[in-house]
Structure formats: structure tokens, C-alpha cells
């Protein structure tokens, strides 16, 4: 009598939903679509870039659904978790039967007539007047070419030989299911407990923090050790012309713990540094210019020396004004090196000016300060991507299991073979067999065994 939906309990209905193949297909298609969206929409960029690309209205909609950092969103993690539950439910529904068949239910050794009717491969070979002992030994010799661990059963009317191989292959699909679950769990661990950041380190300097972008802000995240850049090197291709093409760039990094050097490594592109669960990738490089400027008030003869970096704004001592360095030019209108500066004063518009080593070569306008360029120091820095993913080893374990599961599923099969040898003359030798999959391969094995028995009957 069929059980209606109303007669089922809520737990049964819920379990049937989670083990549904339709749910699996729906989740896989949904994840594929979301992955395409995550590829089309640049992840973890600044809000200015998104607004410029999509406009304010569309930006607000996409930001509301967290599509700019979707792989770390709660709803994306919930979809992955639902897929894990779905795979577990599917496995639990079918696994007990396979488990019982693998460990508990042994195949019968004796080949009964009822079995002959249902086995897919059956061949009957007429028996000539040959002695039982010689025939059995000859058939055993053919049998052992294809199968091992033979079992023998003798009755009053016949002798049955049985063997099987590849019994473990029935577990291949469940190994693959388990591997996918492990991979998804590893991804969730990396999503919740990992991060990706960046850090720029000047030659000779040491850092113990990395920058992590959280929406529009860059948050400094401390790390449990310090990293020092001992040296940064750039190699160029030897090509004619004025343009230089970078061949490779490398950083020599030292790991410090409590002031002591514990590790030194040369980091190159595709050759990162691994330490304490963090990975440092060589990703970029650049230079930081520190200029020395002399500032003298027209009302005072004393000159003040300031060290300033490109883009930095500093207050001018003994005044309410500020000065900002915009950029450094190695050659300014054939007047030599120069700095583009901006003078900032309260309640007044910014005033641009140029600073040269000889202030008399340029008219700085009607300003209360005379600014001249004293010198510049250029320091190279290395740009490093920093990543922490505690779930990466879980993913690697899952990938290894997935390969094992696929190999077991596609290259092995559970094959069983029976041979019944009658004791009475002029009867038939019955050869029967079955396979869980790979019927073409088993048919060749079965035909070789039958051919060998025909040749010795």
C-alpha cells in the first residue's frame, strides 16, 4: 500500500528533499551561474571603481546582495553548505545497501539453477567422457589466469568454483562523494578563517602588519612575526634601444621572531614564501621618493629643512600652512631636477609651485615662502600579496580522494564468475558471471575463460 505525502513525517519529507537529485542539479547550475557572475564582476575593488562602471543605482543594488565580495558572503557559504548536506543525504540513502553487500552479504559459492536464470552472462559447454579429477584441474588452470582466491563447493551432483574481484569498486562513487564534501568544507574553512592582503616593504625595512581590503577600507591586520626586505633586485632583458623590459624581479625576505632571524628566502614570481600558514607572493614593485626641501619665510632668514615623500602633506613649522609634494621630475624644462608642490593655507585656495635647486631660475609667484629643492633619495620597495587559507590542505586531501574515487569508479568493477562441473558424464559445464559495470571489458574476460574451458573439456 503506497504511503501518501500526508502520512509521511516532516523529517522524512525533509530528508527526501535533501537527497533529491533535482536539488543537486539545481545547486550545481546555481553555483555555475554565480561563478560566472563572480568572474564578470570584479571582486574587492573600490566603491569609486564600481560607481564609475555601474552607476550609483546599480551599485547600491549589487552592493546590497554583496556581489562585490560574493565568495565570502553568507548566502554563498549557505549554498555550499546546502550542497554538502545534499551530498551527505544522497550517500546516506544508498550507502547502507552497498556497505552490507561489501562486508556482510557474501556471494554463494554453489551455482544453483535459480541463479543461472537471473545472471546476465551464462554459457553452457557440453561435457565429454573425461574423468572428474583431470577436468577440474584443467578448468582450475584456466580459472586462475583471470581470477584468484577461488572458492570450491562440492555436492553429490556437481562441483562449483567461484571467485570475484573488484569488490571495493562499489565504494568508488562514495569515495568521490566524500571527496566533494571535504573539498566544500575546505572552501568554507578558507572563506571564514582565511584572508588575502598586501604589503609594500622598503629595502631594509621590517613590517609586522598587512593590509586587508574590507569594502572601501584597507584594514591593517597584524601577523604573528615580522618580515624584513633585505634586498630587492630587478633584471632587464638585454635589448637595443632606450626602452627597458623587465625580465624578473626578486625579493630577499627574512622572517623575524622576537628579533631573531628564523628564515631567509629569495621570493620570485611563482616561487612564494610559506611560513606559519601565511604565503607571500611576489606581485609588484615600485620606488618611493623622499625629497629634502628647504623652506624659508620671506620675513625670516632661517631656512627649515623638511623630508617629504611623494603624495605626503606636512605642516610648515612656526606657521599655519602646509606643503604637499605632488611629484618629482628628473628634468623640468631644461632647468634640472624639480619638485611639483602645493602650498595649503586655511581659508585659501591651494597654490601650486615648483621647487628647483636654484630658486632664481623660476618665479614662484607671490608667496610668503621660498621653497627650494635640496635633494632626493629614491628607495625601491617590493609589493607582496599575502594569503592565509587554513582550508587549503583540506581541499588537497579532498582532491586526492576525488582522484582515487574516480579511478576506482571508472577503471575497476565488481566481477563475479561461477563454473559448475557436473559429476555425471554427458552433462553440461555451466559458466556464469556478472559485473557491476564495464560490461565490454567483462565480456572479453568471460569469453577468454569460456574459450579456455572449451579447449580442455
Protein backbone atom coordinates (compact mmCIF):
# COMPACT_ATOMS: atom_id res chain seq x y z
CA UNK A 1 0.00 0.00 0.00
CA UNK A 2 1.50 3.34 -1.09
CA UNK A 3 2.25 5.94 1.55
CA UNK A 4 0.82 9.39 0.78
CA UNK A 5 2.69 12.65 1.41
CA UNK A 6 0.33 13.45 4.30
CA UNK A 7 1.15 10.16 6.01
CA UNK A 8 4.88 10.87 5.88
CA UNK A 9 6.51 12.64 8.76
CA UNK A 10 8.15 16.05 8.33
CA UNK A 11 11.56 14.50 8.92
CA UNK A 12 11.01 12.00 6.10
CA UNK A 13 9.78 14.72 3.72
CA UNK A 14 12.77 16.90 4.61
CA UNK A 15 15.20 14.02 4.11
CA UNK A 16 13.62 13.21 0.74
CA UNK A 17 14.09 16.84 -0.27
CA UNK A 18 17.75 16.92 0.71
CA UNK A 19 18.56 13.63 -1.04
CA UNK A 20 16.83 14.70 -4.24
CA UNK A 21 18.91 14.53 -7.42
CA UNK A 22 16.93 17.51 -8.72
CA UNK A 23 18.25 19.56 -5.78
CA UNK A 24 21.81 18.50 -6.66
CA UNK A 25 21.42 19.57 -10.29
CA UNK A 26 19.78 22.86 -9.26
CA UNK A 27 22.61 23.70 -6.81
CA UNK A 28 25.34 22.85 -9.33
CA UNK A 29 23.70 25.01 -12.02
CA UNK A 30 23.23 27.83 -9.49
CA UNK A 31 26.90 27.67 -8.44
CA UNK A 32 27.98 27.69 -12.10
CA UNK A 33 25.88 30.82 -12.79
CA UNK A 34 27.19 32.54 -9.65
CA UNK A 35 30.78 31.69 -10.62
CA UNK A 36 30.23 33.34 -14.00
CA UNK A 37 28.82 36.42 -12.25
CA UNK A 38 31.80 36.47 -9.88
CA UNK A 39 34.13 36.37 -12.88
CA UNK A 40 32.33 39.15 -14.78
CA UNK A 41 32.07 41.43 -11.72
CA UNK A 42 35.49 42.35 -10.37
CA UNK A 43 35.75 41.34 -6.74
CA UNK A 44 37.02 43.51 -3.88
CA UNK A 45 37.58 46.70 -5.87
CA UNK A 46 36.96 50.19 -4.50
CA UNK A 47 33.50 51.73 -4.46
CA UNK A 48 34.69 54.51 -6.77
CA UNK A 49 35.56 51.95 -9.44
CA UNK A 50 32.17 50.26 -9.11
CA UNK A 51 30.24 53.55 -9.22
CA UNK A 52 32.18 54.68 -12.26
CA UNK A 53 31.43 51.38 -14.01
CA UNK A 54 27.83 50.68 -12.98
CA UNK A 55 26.43 53.98 -11.74
CA UNK A 56 25.09 54.78 -8.29
CA UNK A 57 21.72 52.99 -8.56
CA UNK A 58 23.06 49.68 -9.88
CA UNK A 59 26.00 49.87 -7.46
CA UNK A 60 23.62 50.06 -4.50
CA UNK A 61 21.66 47.03 -5.74
CA UNK A 62 24.78 44.93 -6.33
CA UNK A 63 26.27 46.00 -3.02
CA UNK A 64 23.06 45.09 -1.19
CA UNK A 65 23.40 41.49 -2.46
CA UNK A 66 27.13 41.53 -1.62
CA UNK A 67 28.11 40.68 -5.20
CA UNK A 68 31.39 42.58 -4.90
CA UNK A 69 32.70 40.03 -2.40
CA UNK A 70 30.34 37.18 -3.09
CA UNK A 71 32.71 34.31 -2.32
CA UNK A 72 32.91 35.45 1.31
CA UNK A 73 29.20 36.24 1.65
CA UNK A 74 26.95 34.31 3.99
CA UNK A 75 24.47 33.40 1.26
CA UNK A 76 27.20 31.87 -0.95
CA UNK A 77 28.52 29.88 2.01
CA UNK A 78 24.94 28.77 2.74
CA UNK A 79 24.63 27.40 -0.83
CA UNK A 80 27.87 25.44 -0.42
CA UNK A 81 26.68 24.13 2.95
CA UNK A 82 23.36 23.08 1.39
CA UNK A 83 25.28 21.18 -1.30
CA UNK A 84 27.26 19.41 1.44
CA UNK A 85 24.02 18.40 3.17
CA UNK A 86 22.62 17.21 -0.18
CA UNK A 87 25.65 15.01 -0.89
CA UNK A 88 25.58 13.58 2.63
CA UNK A 89 21.86 12.79 2.35
CA UNK A 90 22.30 11.11 -1.05
CA UNK A 91 25.16 8.99 0.28
CA UNK A 92 23.33 8.01 3.47
CA UNK A 93 20.30 6.91 1.48
CA UNK A 94 22.16 4.44 -0.75
CA UNK A 95 25.28 3.61 1.23
CA UNK A 96 23.87 1.04 3.75
CA UNK A 97 22.90 -1.36 0.98
CA UNK A 98 26.32 -1.15 -0.65
CA UNK A 99 28.00 -1.45 2.74
CA UNK A 100 26.05 -4.63 3.54
CA UNK A 101 26.87 -6.05 0.15
CA UNK A 102 30.54 -5.24 0.56
CA UNK A 103 31.08 -6.51 4.10
CA UNK A 104 28.22 -8.81 5.07
CA UNK A 105 26.47 -10.48 2.16
CA UNK A 106 28.87 -12.99 0.64
CA UNK A 107 28.01 -14.37 -2.78
CA UNK A 108 27.03 -18.06 -2.74
CA UNK A 109 29.71 -20.44 -3.92
CA UNK A 110 27.36 -23.09 -5.31
CA UNK A 111 25.80 -22.23 -8.66
CA UNK A 112 22.09 -23.06 -8.39
CA UNK A 113 19.64 -23.29 -11.28
CA UNK A 114 17.72 -20.31 -9.86
CA UNK A 115 20.87 -18.20 -10.12
CA UNK A 116 21.55 -19.30 -13.69
CA UNK A 117 18.18 -17.86 -14.72
CA UNK A 118 18.98 -14.35 -13.44
CA UNK A 119 22.73 -13.96 -14.09
CA UNK A 120 23.41 -11.85 -17.21
CA UNK A 121 26.25 -13.96 -18.60
CA UNK A 122 25.69 -17.72 -18.93
CA UNK A 123 27.44 -20.22 -21.21
CA UNK A 124 26.79 -23.99 -21.38
CA UNK A 125 29.52 -26.33 -22.58
CA UNK A 126 28.68 -29.99 -23.35
CA UNK A 127 30.76 -32.43 -21.30
CA UNK A 128 32.63 -35.32 -22.93
CA UNK A 129 33.57 -38.54 -21.17
CA UNK A 130 36.55 -37.22 -19.23
CA UNK A 131 37.42 -38.05 -15.63
CA UNK A 132 36.33 -35.63 -12.99
CA UNK A 133 39.77 -35.02 -11.46
CA UNK A 134 41.56 -34.21 -14.70
CA UNK A 135 38.73 -31.94 -15.84
CA UNK A 136 38.61 -29.99 -12.59
CA UNK A 137 42.38 -29.45 -12.62
CA UNK A 138 42.30 -28.26 -16.22
CA UNK A 139 39.43 -25.84 -15.51
CA UNK A 140 41.22 -24.56 -12.39
CA UNK A 141 44.23 -23.80 -14.54
CA UNK A 142 42.07 -21.69 -16.91
CA UNK A 143 40.27 -20.09 -13.98
CA UNK A 144 43.45 -18.90 -12.27
CA UNK A 145 44.58 -16.99 -15.36
CA UNK A 146 41.80 -14.45 -14.81
CA UNK A 147 40.75 -14.81 -11.14
CA UNK A 148 42.38 -15.62 -7.83
CA UNK A 149 41.18 -16.64 -4.34
CA UNK A 150 38.98 -19.43 -5.64
CA UNK A 151 36.25 -21.00 -3.53
CA UNK A 152 35.12 -24.58 -4.06
CA UNK A 153 31.82 -26.25 -3.21
CA UNK A 154 31.13 -29.92 -3.82
CA UNK A 155 27.74 -31.63 -3.76
CA UNK A 156 26.56 -35.10 -4.82
CA UNK A 157 25.86 -33.94 -8.35
CA UNK A 158 28.40 -31.22 -9.14
CA UNK A 159 31.46 -29.20 -8.16
CA UNK A 160 31.11 -25.40 -8.14
CA UNK A 161 34.03 -22.99 -8.42
CA UNK A 162 33.57 -19.33 -7.56
CA UNK A 163 35.76 -16.22 -7.49
CA UNK A 164 35.28 -12.48 -7.53
CA UNK A 165 37.44 -9.38 -7.79
CA UNK A 166 37.00 -5.62 -7.58
CA UNK A 167 34.51 -5.78 -4.75
CA UNK A 168 35.84 -2.48 -3.44
CA UNK A 169 34.86 -0.73 -6.70
CA UNK A 170 31.30 -0.39 -5.43
CA UNK A 171 32.63 2.16 -2.92
CA UNK A 172 34.21 4.37 -5.63
CA UNK A 173 31.22 6.66 -6.03
CA UNK A 174 31.02 7.17 -2.27
CA UNK A 175 34.72 7.99 -2.09
CA UNK A 176 34.05 10.63 -4.78
CA UNK A 177 31.05 11.93 -2.78
CA UNK A 178 33.18 12.12 0.37
CA UNK A 179 35.94 13.95 -1.51
CA UNK A 180 33.50 16.59 -2.79
CA UNK A 181 32.19 17.10 0.74
CA UNK A 182 35.76 17.51 2.04
CA UNK A 183 36.58 19.99 -0.75
CA UNK A 184 33.49 22.07 0.03
CA UNK A 185 34.28 22.02 3.76
CA UNK A 186 37.85 23.13 2.99
CA UNK A 187 36.47 26.00 0.90
CA UNK A 188 34.18 27.06 3.74
CA UNK A 189 37.08 26.95 6.23
CA UNK A 190 39.18 29.14 3.95
CA UNK A 191 36.28 31.54 3.43
CA UNK A 192 35.63 32.04 7.15
CA UNK A 193 39.14 31.86 8.60
CA UNK A 194 41.39 32.92 5.72
CA UNK A 195 42.19 36.29 4.15
CA UNK A 196 44.03 37.92 1.26
CA UNK A 197 46.05 41.08 1.76
CA UNK A 198 49.04 43.02 0.51
CA UNK A 199 52.07 44.82 1.86
CA UNK A 200 54.77 47.07 0.42
CA UNK A 201 58.17 46.82 2.12
CA UNK A 202 61.03 49.24 1.52
CA UNK A 203 64.53 47.81 1.30
CA UNK A 204 65.89 47.40 4.80
CA UNK A 205 62.54 47.95 6.49
CA UNK A 206 60.55 45.49 8.62
CA UNK A 207 56.76 45.09 8.84
CA UNK A 208 54.50 43.09 11.12
CA UNK A 209 51.17 44.04 9.54
CA UNK A 210 49.49 43.52 6.18
CA UNK A 211 46.70 45.49 4.54
CA UNK A 212 43.38 43.71 4.04
CA UNK A 213 40.66 45.37 1.99
CA UNK A 214 37.28 45.39 3.71
CA UNK A 215 34.86 47.02 1.27
CA UNK A 216 36.20 50.57 0.84
CA UNK A 217 38.74 50.46 3.66
CA UNK A 218 42.17 48.94 3.96
CA UNK A 219 42.48 47.48 7.45
CA UNK A 220 45.92 46.73 8.88
CA UNK A 221 45.95 43.13 10.11
CA UNK A 222 48.78 42.09 12.46
CA UNK A 223 50.73 38.90 11.75
CA UNK A 224 52.48 36.78 14.41
CA UNK A 225 56.00 37.54 13.14
CA UNK A 226 57.95 40.24 11.29
CA UNK A 227 59.13 40.32 7.68
CA UNK A 228 62.20 42.27 6.56
CA UNK A 229 63.14 43.06 2.97
CA UNK A 230 66.92 42.72 2.82
CA UNK A 231 67.22 43.41 -0.88
CA UNK A 232 65.14 43.93 -3.99
CA UNK A 233 66.54 43.21 -7.44
CA UNK A 234 65.28 43.81 -10.97
CA UNK A 235 66.77 42.13 -14.05
CA UNK A 236 66.13 43.57 -17.53
CA UNK A 237 66.33 41.99 -20.97
CA UNK A 238 69.39 43.00 -22.96
CA UNK A 239 67.68 44.56 -25.98
CA UNK A 240 68.75 47.56 -28.10
CA UNK A 241 67.03 50.89 -27.69
CA UNK A 242 66.16 53.20 -24.84
CA UNK A 243 63.23 51.15 -23.52
CA UNK A 244 63.97 48.55 -20.88
CA UNK A 245 61.86 45.42 -20.42
CA UNK A 246 61.74 43.70 -17.07
CA UNK A 247 62.97 40.09 -17.15
CA UNK A 248 62.33 39.23 -13.49
CA UNK A 249 62.20 40.83 -10.07
CA UNK A 250 63.06 39.17 -6.80
CA UNK A 251 62.98 39.98 -3.12
CA UNK A 252 65.22 38.60 -0.40
CA UNK A 253 63.00 38.33 2.68
CA UNK A 254 63.88 37.44 6.27
CA UNK A 255 61.39 36.18 8.85
CA UNK A 256 61.97 37.51 12.36
CA UNK A 257 60.50 36.19 15.59
CA UNK A 258 61.24 38.16 18.76
CA UNK A 259 64.06 39.91 16.93
CA UNK A 260 65.76 36.68 15.84
CA UNK A 261 66.16 35.57 12.23
CA UNK A 262 64.43 32.24 11.68
CA UNK A 263 64.17 32.04 7.89
CA UNK A 264 65.65 33.74 4.82
CA UNK A 265 64.31 33.15 1.31
CA UNK A 266 64.51 34.65 -2.16
CA UNK A 267 60.96 35.25 -3.38
CA UNK A 268 60.21 35.34 -7.11
CA UNK A 269 57.08 35.25 -9.21
CA UNK A 270 55.57 31.74 -8.84
CA UNK A 271 58.09 30.98 -6.05
CA UNK A 272 56.40 32.27 -2.87
CA UNK A 273 57.48 32.18 0.76
CA UNK A 274 55.48 29.92 3.09
CA UNK A 275 55.65 30.38 6.85
CA UNK A 276 53.24 29.79 9.75
CA UNK A 277 50.25 29.31 7.43
CA UNK A 278 50.91 32.56 5.51
CA UNK A 279 52.06 32.72 1.90
CA UNK A 280 53.91 35.74 0.46
CA UNK A 281 53.72 36.11 -3.32
CA UNK A 282 55.90 38.46 -5.35
CA UNK A 283 53.34 40.59 -7.18
CA UNK A 284 54.66 44.11 -7.83
CA UNK A 285 57.41 46.61 -7.18
CA UNK A 286 57.99 50.34 -7.19
CA UNK A 287 60.03 53.16 -5.77
CA UNK A 288 59.39 55.68 -3.01
CA UNK A 289 60.91 59.11 -3.39
CA UNK A 290 61.90 61.05 -0.29
CA UNK A 291 62.79 64.63 -1.13
CA UNK A 292 64.54 67.19 1.03
CA UNK A 293 63.18 70.71 0.63
CA UNK A 294 64.34 73.94 2.11
CA UNK A 295 61.59 76.35 3.19
CA UNK A 296 62.40 79.92 4.09
CA UNK A 297 59.92 82.60 5.04
CA UNK A 298 60.40 85.95 3.32
CA UNK A 299 60.14 87.62 6.70
CA UNK A 300 62.77 85.34 8.28
CA UNK A 301 66.22 84.37 7.13
CA UNK A 302 66.26 80.95 8.83
CA UNK A 303 65.80 78.01 6.43
CA UNK A 304 63.86 74.94 7.55
CA UNK A 305 64.70 71.55 6.03
CA UNK A 306 61.88 69.04 5.61
CA UNK A 307 61.94 65.46 4.34
CA UNK A 308 58.77 64.64 2.42
CA UNK A 309 57.51 61.70 0.36
CA UNK A 310 55.54 61.83 -2.88
CA UNK A 311 51.87 62.43 -2.05
CA UNK A 312 52.64 63.39 1.57
CA UNK A 313 51.41 66.59 3.24
CA UNK A 314 53.45 68.15 6.06
CA UNK A 315 52.92 71.22 8.23
CA UNK A 316 55.39 74.06 7.87
CA UNK A 317 56.87 74.74 11.33
CA UNK A 318 56.11 78.08 13.02
CA UNK A 319 53.20 78.70 10.61
CA UNK A 320 49.66 77.58 9.93
CA UNK A 321 50.49 76.48 6.37
CA UNK A 322 51.02 73.01 4.91
CA UNK A 323 53.03 71.82 1.95
CA UNK A 324 52.37 68.77 -0.23
CA UNK A 325 54.73 67.03 -2.62
CA UNK A 326 52.91 66.04 -5.84
CA UNK A 327 55.72 64.51 -7.88
CA UNK A 328 59.42 64.54 -8.69
CA UNK A 329 60.74 65.30 -12.18
CA UNK A 330 64.32 64.38 -13.13
CA UNK A 331 64.25 67.20 -15.71
CA UNK A 332 61.98 70.23 -15.58
CA UNK A 333 62.05 72.35 -18.78
CA UNK A 334 65.84 72.02 -19.05
CA UNK A 335 66.18 73.63 -15.65
CA UNK A 336 67.34 70.48 -13.89
CA UNK A 337 65.62 68.40 -11.24
CA UNK A 338 62.45 69.74 -9.75
CA UNK A 339 59.51 69.11 -7.47
CA UNK A 340 55.88 69.95 -8.11
CA UNK A 341 54.49 71.20 -4.80
CA UNK A 342 51.24 72.62 -3.45
CA UNK A 343 51.06 75.20 -0.68
CA UNK A 344 47.97 74.90 1.54
CA UNK A 345 46.72 77.65 3.87
CA UNK A 346 43.49 77.93 5.88
CA UNK A 347 40.57 79.54 4.06
CA UNK A 348 42.65 79.99 0.90
CA UNK A 349 42.74 78.03 -2.36
CA UNK A 350 45.68 75.66 -2.89
CA UNK A 351 48.63 77.37 -4.57
CA UNK A 352 50.84 75.32 -6.93
CA UNK A 353 54.56 75.99 -7.09
CA UNK A 354 57.77 74.44 -8.37
CA UNK A 355 60.87 73.85 -6.29
CA UNK A 356 64.28 73.80 -8.02
CA UNK A 357 67.82 73.58 -6.69
CA UNK A 358 68.33 77.17 -7.86
CA UNK A 359 65.16 79.14 -6.91
CA UNK A 360 66.26 82.07 -9.03
CA UNK A 361 65.59 80.10 -12.22
CA UNK A 362 61.82 80.17 -11.69
CA UNK A 363 59.31 82.68 -10.42
CA UNK A 364 57.38 81.07 -7.56
CA UNK A 365 54.84 83.87 -7.57
CA UNK A 366 53.60 85.97 -4.72
CA UNK A 367 54.04 83.51 -1.85
CA UNK A 368 55.24 84.03 1.66
CA UNK A 369 57.69 81.12 1.43
CA UNK A 370 60.68 80.43 -0.75
CA UNK A 371 60.88 76.70 -1.43
CA UNK A 372 63.95 75.15 -2.99
CA UNK A 373 64.88 71.55 -3.81
CA UNK A 374 67.80 70.24 -1.76
CA UNK A 375 67.98 66.59 -2.91
CA UNK A 376 66.12 63.32 -3.24
CA UNK A 377 66.55 59.74 -2.11
CA UNK A 378 64.86 57.01 -4.13
CA UNK A 379 64.10 53.78 -2.29
CA UNK A 380 62.80 50.69 -4.04
CA UNK A 381 60.07 48.64 -2.43
CA UNK A 382 58.68 45.20 -3.07
CA UNK A 383 54.96 44.60 -3.37
CA UNK A 384 53.78 41.31 -1.86
CA UNK A 385 50.42 39.58 -1.92
CA UNK A 386 49.77 37.85 1.40
CA UNK A 387 47.32 34.97 1.68
CA UNK A 388 46.16 32.75 4.51
CA UNK A 389 43.97 29.76 3.73
CA UNK A 390 43.74 27.22 6.56
CA UNK A 391 41.43 25.09 4.43
CA UNK A 392 43.90 24.54 1.59
CA UNK A 393 45.20 21.24 2.99
CA UNK A 394 41.64 20.05 3.49
CA UNK A 395 40.99 20.85 -0.18
CA UNK A 396 44.14 18.98 -1.25
CA UNK A 397 43.06 15.93 0.75
CA UNK A 398 39.65 16.12 -0.91
CA UNK A 399 41.22 16.42 -4.38
CA UNK A 400 43.40 13.36 -3.72
CA UNK A 401 40.36 11.37 -2.58
CA UNK A 402 38.45 12.57 -5.65
CA UNK A 403 41.15 11.19 -7.96
CA UNK A 404 41.13 7.90 -6.05
CA UNK A 405 37.33 7.74 -6.21
CA UNK A 406 37.25 8.44 -9.95
CA UNK A 407 39.95 5.83 -10.64
CA UNK A 408 38.08 3.22 -8.58
CA UNK A 409 34.76 4.13 -10.22
CA UNK A 410 35.91 4.15 -13.85
CA UNK A 411 38.77 1.65 -14.00
CA UNK A 412 37.56 -1.11 -11.66
CA UNK A 413 34.40 -3.17 -11.48
CA UNK A 414 32.99 -5.88 -9.22
CA UNK A 415 33.25 -9.05 -11.30
CA UNK A 416 31.91 -12.46 -10.20
CA UNK A 417 32.33 -15.78 -12.01
CA UNK A 418 30.97 -19.29 -11.39
CA UNK A 419 31.81 -22.60 -13.02
CA UNK A 420 29.68 -25.69 -12.30
CA UNK A 421 31.25 -29.03 -13.24
CA UNK A 422 28.81 -31.97 -13.24
CA UNK A 423 29.93 -35.32 -11.88
CA UNK A 424 27.82 -37.29 -14.31
CA UNK A 425 29.10 -37.73 -17.88
CA UNK A 426 27.36 -36.16 -20.88
CA UNK A 427 26.10 -33.26 -18.84
CA UNK A 428 26.90 -29.57 -19.36
CA UNK A 429 29.53 -27.39 -17.77
CA UNK A 430 27.83 -24.13 -16.83
CA UNK A 431 29.87 -20.90 -16.75
CA UNK A 432 28.07 -17.83 -15.38
CA UNK A 433 29.12 -14.35 -14.34
CA UNK A 434 28.12 -10.78 -13.58
CA UNK A 435 29.73 -7.37 -13.38
CA UNK A 436 28.70 -4.09 -11.76
CA UNK A 437 29.91 -2.02 -14.73
CA UNK A 438 32.28 -2.07 -17.72
CA UNK A 439 30.33 -4.80 -19.49
CA UNK A 440 32.53 -4.63 -22.60
CA UNK A 441 35.67 -5.39 -20.59
CA UNK A 442 33.99 -8.20 -18.65
CA UNK A 443 32.67 -9.80 -21.83
CA UNK A 444 36.24 -10.18 -23.09
CA UNK A 445 37.30 -11.78 -19.78
CA UNK A 446 34.27 -14.09 -19.87
CA UNK A 447 34.91 -15.12 -23.47
CA UNK A 448 38.57 -15.93 -22.70
CA UNK A 449 37.53 -18.11 -19.76
CA UNK A 450 34.85 -19.91 -21.78
CA UNK A 451 37.28 -20.42 -24.65
CA UNK A 452 39.89 -21.88 -22.32
CA UNK A 453 37.35 -24.33 -20.82
CA UNK A 454 36.14 -25.40 -24.28
CA UNK A 455 39.70 -26.26 -25.23
CA UNK A 456 40.16 -28.66 -22.29
CA UNK A 457 36.69 -30.28 -21.95
